[in-house]
């Protein structure tokens, strides 16, 4: 098994065994912010407006990624109320909230969001 997977499994077992808070997070973990995007209350835009909002949404994601503020972003492949996720790599939840308010899909009401602090081994990556 690759080293990062082993570390991840050990950390998951450790986290399941103990209560954690910000002061007790082991140094091999980093806090990120997991954002779940869901359908918003205002999805009645015509197709041209919806396409413009989506284009702005994708442009915003690319900007945040190039600035190092989003490490992972992507949509879900099935049809449900869950629309996608972001993994933010910033210092505070308040910063995440401010950045999300600037997203055209959120500010237009097409998407809602839920934010959760999320821990992962430092420098973990998907393959």
C-alpha atoms as a PDB file:
ATOM      1  CA  UNK A   1       0.000   0.000   0.000  1.00  0.00           C
ATOM      2  CA  UNK A   2       1.292   3.458  -0.765  1.00  0.00           C
ATOM      3  CA  UNK A   3       2.596   5.487   2.161  1.00  0.00           C
ATOM      4  CA  UNK A   4      -0.067   8.228   1.920  1.00  0.00           C
ATOM      5  CA  UNK A   5      -2.884   5.652   1.965  1.00  0.00           C
ATOM      6  CA  UNK A   6      -1.362   3.959   5.015  1.00  0.00           C
ATOM      7  CA  UNK A   7      -1.039   7.291   6.804  1.00  0.00           C
ATOM      8  CA  UNK A   8      -4.614   8.162   5.920  1.00  0.00           C
ATOM      9  CA  UNK A   9      -5.918   4.844   7.293  1.00  0.00           C
ATOM     10  CA  UNK A  10      -3.928   5.196  10.510  1.00  0.00           C
ATOM     11  CA  UNK A  11      -5.205   8.735  10.980  1.00  0.00           C
ATOM     12  CA  UNK A  12      -8.806   7.666  10.336  1.00  0.00           C
ATOM     13  CA  UNK A  13      -8.505   4.928  12.963  1.00  0.00           C
ATOM     14  CA  UNK A  14      -6.939   7.358  15.408  1.00  0.00           C
ATOM     15  CA  UNK A  15      -9.668   9.959  14.821  1.00  0.00           C
ATOM     16  CA  UNK A  16     -12.361   7.341  15.351  1.00  0.00           C
ATOM     17  CA  UNK A  17     -10.785   6.402  18.682  1.00  0.00           C
ATOM     18  CA  UNK A  18     -10.387   9.874  20.200  1.00  0.00           C
ATOM     19  CA  UNK A  19     -12.317  13.095  20.443  1.00  0.00           C
ATOM     20  CA  UNK A  20     -10.640  15.867  18.469  1.00  0.00           C
ATOM     21  CA  UNK A  21     -10.636  19.615  18.514  1.00  0.00           C
ATOM     22  CA  UNK A  22      -8.412  22.217  16.882  1.00  0.00           C
ATOM     23  CA  UNK A  23      -5.767  21.881  19.613  1.00  0.00           C
ATOM     24  CA  UNK A  24      -5.542  18.071  19.433  1.00  0.00           C
ATOM     25  CA  UNK A  25      -5.187  17.652  15.658  1.00  0.00           C
ATOM     26  CA  UNK A  26      -2.017  15.703  14.983  1.00  0.00           C
ATOM     27  CA  UNK A  27       0.665  17.550  13.038  1.00  0.00           C
ATOM     28  CA  UNK A  28       0.357  15.202  10.044  1.00  0.00           C
ATOM     29  CA  UNK A  29      -3.159  16.538   9.428  1.00  0.00           C
ATOM     30  CA  UNK A  30      -4.121  19.808   7.825  1.00  0.00           C
ATOM     31  CA  UNK A  31      -7.498  21.481   8.128  1.00  0.00           C
ATOM     32  CA  UNK A  32      -9.300  22.255   4.899  1.00  0.00           C
ATOM     33  CA  UNK A  33     -12.913  23.295   4.324  1.00  0.00           C
ATOM     34  CA  UNK A  34     -15.252  20.882   2.562  1.00  0.00           C
ATOM     35  CA  UNK A  35     -18.137  22.616   0.784  1.00  0.00           C
ATOM     36  CA  UNK A  36     -21.174  20.705  -0.394  1.00  0.00           C
ATOM     37  CA  UNK A  37     -23.033  22.520  -3.173  1.00  0.00           C
ATOM     38  CA  UNK A  38     -26.744  21.795  -3.455  1.00  0.00           C
ATOM     39  CA  UNK A  39     -29.565  23.046  -5.641  1.00  0.00           C
ATOM     40  CA  UNK A  40     -30.581  26.552  -4.649  1.00  0.00           C
ATOM     41  CA  UNK A  41     -34.044  28.092  -4.417  1.00  0.00           C
ATOM     42  CA  UNK A  42     -33.760  30.103  -7.651  1.00  0.00           C
ATOM     43  CA  UNK A  43     -33.324  27.788 -10.632  1.00  0.00           C
ATOM     44  CA  UNK A  44     -35.931  29.396 -12.879  1.00  0.00           C
ATOM     45  CA  UNK A  45     -33.538  31.342 -15.125  1.00  0.00           C
ATOM     46  CA  UNK A  46     -33.917  30.950 -18.883  1.00  0.00           C
ATOM     47  CA  UNK A  47     -31.307  28.786 -20.597  1.00  0.00           C
ATOM     48  CA  UNK A  48     -29.188  31.728 -21.795  1.00  0.00           C
ATOM     49  CA  UNK A  49     -29.027  33.273 -18.308  1.00  0.00           C
ATOM     50  CA  UNK A  50     -28.346  29.884 -16.711  1.00  0.00           C
ATOM     51  CA  UNK A  51     -25.471  29.324 -19.174  1.00  0.00           C
ATOM     52  CA  UNK A  52     -23.973  32.738 -18.322  1.00  0.00           C
ATOM     53  CA  UNK A  53     -24.223  31.964 -14.603  1.00  0.00           C
ATOM     54  CA  UNK A  54     -22.562  28.581 -15.154  1.00  0.00           C
ATOM     55  CA  UNK A  55     -19.773  30.164 -17.190  1.00  0.00           C
ATOM     56  CA  UNK A  56     -19.176  32.680 -14.390  1.00  0.00           C
ATOM     57  CA  UNK A  57     -19.219  29.839 -11.848  1.00  0.00           C
ATOM     58  CA  UNK A  58     -16.534  27.908 -13.778  1.00  0.00           C
ATOM     59  CA  UNK A  59     -14.445  31.048 -14.290  1.00  0.00           C
ATOM     60  CA  UNK A  60     -14.597  31.709 -10.546  1.00  0.00           C
ATOM     61  CA  UNK A  61     -13.526  28.131  -9.738  1.00  0.00           C
ATOM     62  CA  UNK A  62     -10.551  28.422 -12.112  1.00  0.00           C
ATOM     63  CA  UNK A  63      -9.543  31.757 -10.547  1.00  0.00           C
ATOM     64  CA  UNK A  64      -9.723  30.352  -6.997  1.00  0.00           C
ATOM     65  CA  UNK A  65      -7.747  27.281  -8.054  1.00  0.00           C
ATOM     66  CA  UNK A  66      -5.031  29.387  -9.687  1.00  0.00           C
ATOM     67  CA  UNK A  67      -4.825  31.453  -6.472  1.00  0.00           C
ATOM     68  CA  UNK A  68      -4.358  28.245  -4.443  1.00  0.00           C
ATOM     69  CA  UNK A  69      -7.623  28.685  -2.539  1.00  0.00           C
ATOM     70  CA  UNK A  70      -9.443  25.638  -3.953  1.00  0.00           C
ATOM     71  CA  UNK A  71      -7.604  22.329  -4.212  1.00  0.00           C
ATOM     72  CA  UNK A  72     -10.487  20.197  -5.490  1.00  0.00           C
ATOM     73  CA  UNK A  73     -13.749  21.079  -7.229  1.00  0.00           C
ATOM     74  CA  UNK A  74     -16.187  19.044  -9.224  1.00  0.00           C
ATOM     75  CA  UNK A  75     -19.798  18.135  -9.916  1.00  0.00           C
ATOM     76  CA  UNK A  76     -21.636  14.963  -9.007  1.00  0.00           C
ATOM     77  CA  UNK A  77     -22.400  12.704 -11.965  1.00  0.00           C
ATOM     78  CA  UNK A  78     -25.896  11.648 -10.900  1.00  0.00           C
ATOM     79  CA  UNK A  79     -29.128  13.623 -10.818  1.00  0.00           C
ATOM     80  CA  UNK A  80     -29.888  14.673  -7.259  1.00  0.00           C
ATOM     81  CA  UNK A  81     -29.999  17.832  -5.160  1.00  0.00           C
ATOM     82  CA  UNK A  82     -26.267  17.549  -4.485  1.00  0.00           C
ATOM     83  CA  UNK A  83     -24.557  19.444  -7.303  1.00  0.00           C
ATOM     84  CA  UNK A  84     -20.824  19.402  -6.446  1.00  0.00           C
ATOM     85  CA  UNK A  85     -18.028  19.908  -3.944  1.00  0.00           C
ATOM     86  CA  UNK A  86     -15.135  22.234  -3.208  1.00  0.00           C
ATOM     87  CA  UNK A  87     -12.161  21.582  -0.966  1.00  0.00           C
ATOM     88  CA  UNK A  88     -10.897  24.999   0.143  1.00  0.00           C
ATOM     89  CA  UNK A  89      -7.312  25.497   1.301  1.00  0.00           C
ATOM     90  CA  UNK A  90      -7.694  28.750   3.261  1.00  0.00           C
ATOM     91  CA  UNK A  91      -7.226  29.826   6.880  1.00  0.00           C
ATOM     92  CA  UNK A  92     -10.773  30.473   8.097  1.00  0.00           C
ATOM     93  CA  UNK A  93     -14.368  29.525   7.511  1.00  0.00           C
ATOM     94  CA  UNK A  94     -15.176  33.237   7.217  1.00  0.00           C
ATOM     95  CA  UNK A  95     -12.856  33.451   4.206  1.00  0.00           C
ATOM     96  CA  UNK A  96     -14.637  30.472   2.625  1.00  0.00           C
ATOM     97  CA  UNK A  97     -18.013  32.161   3.184  1.00  0.00           C
ATOM     98  CA  UNK A  98     -16.800  35.397   1.584  1.00  0.00           C
ATOM     99  CA  UNK A  99     -15.343  33.572  -1.426  1.00  0.00           C
ATOM    100  CA  UNK A 100     -18.558  31.588  -1.901  1.00  0.00           C
ATOM    101  CA  UNK A 101     -20.659  34.777  -1.898  1.00  0.00           C
ATOM    102  CA  UNK A 102     -18.631  35.938  -4.921  1.00  0.00           C
ATOM    103  CA  UNK A 103     -19.600  32.852  -6.968  1.00  0.00           C
ATOM    104  CA  UNK A 104     -22.294  33.785  -9.536  1.00  0.00           C
ATOM    105  CA  UNK A 105     -24.129  30.461  -9.116  1.00  0.00           C
ATOM    106  CA  UNK A 106     -24.438  31.071  -5.379  1.00  0.00           C
ATOM    107  CA  UNK A 107     -25.176  34.795  -5.512  1.00  0.00           C
ATOM    108  CA  UNK A 108     -27.910  34.148  -8.120  1.00  0.00           C
ATOM    109  CA  UNK A 109     -29.545  31.481  -5.915  1.00  0.00           C
ATOM    110  CA  UNK A 110     -28.913  28.584  -8.326  1.00  0.00           C
ATOM    111  CA  UNK A 111     -26.719  26.927  -5.688  1.00  0.00           C
ATOM    112  CA  UNK A 112     -26.689  26.709  -1.892  1.00  0.00           C
ATOM    113  CA  UNK A 113     -23.738  25.573   0.185  1.00  0.00           C
ATOM    114  CA  UNK A 114     -22.817  23.890   3.432  1.00  0.00           C
ATOM    115  CA  UNK A 115     -19.321  24.250   4.893  1.00  0.00           C
ATOM    116  CA  UNK A 116     -17.568  21.675   7.089  1.00  0.00           C
ATOM    117  CA  UNK A 117     -14.023  21.842   8.484  1.00  0.00           C
ATOM    118  CA  UNK A 118     -12.269  18.788   7.070  1.00  0.00           C
ATOM    119  CA  UNK A 119      -8.990  17.117   8.031  1.00  0.00           C
ATOM    120  CA  UNK A 120      -6.668  15.314   5.664  1.00  0.00           C
ATOM    121  CA  UNK A 121      -3.036  14.268   5.736  1.00  0.00           C
ATOM    122  CA  UNK A 122      -0.805  17.098   4.548  1.00  0.00           C
ATOM    123  CA  UNK A 123      -0.053  16.911   0.821  1.00  0.00           C
ATOM    124  CA  UNK A 124      -2.575  14.099   0.215  1.00  0.00           C
ATOM    125  CA  UNK A 125      -3.695  13.773  -3.386  1.00  0.00           C
ATOM    126  CA  UNK A 126      -6.144  11.795  -5.492  1.00  0.00           C
ATOM    127  CA  UNK A 127      -4.852   9.396  -8.094  1.00  0.00           C
END
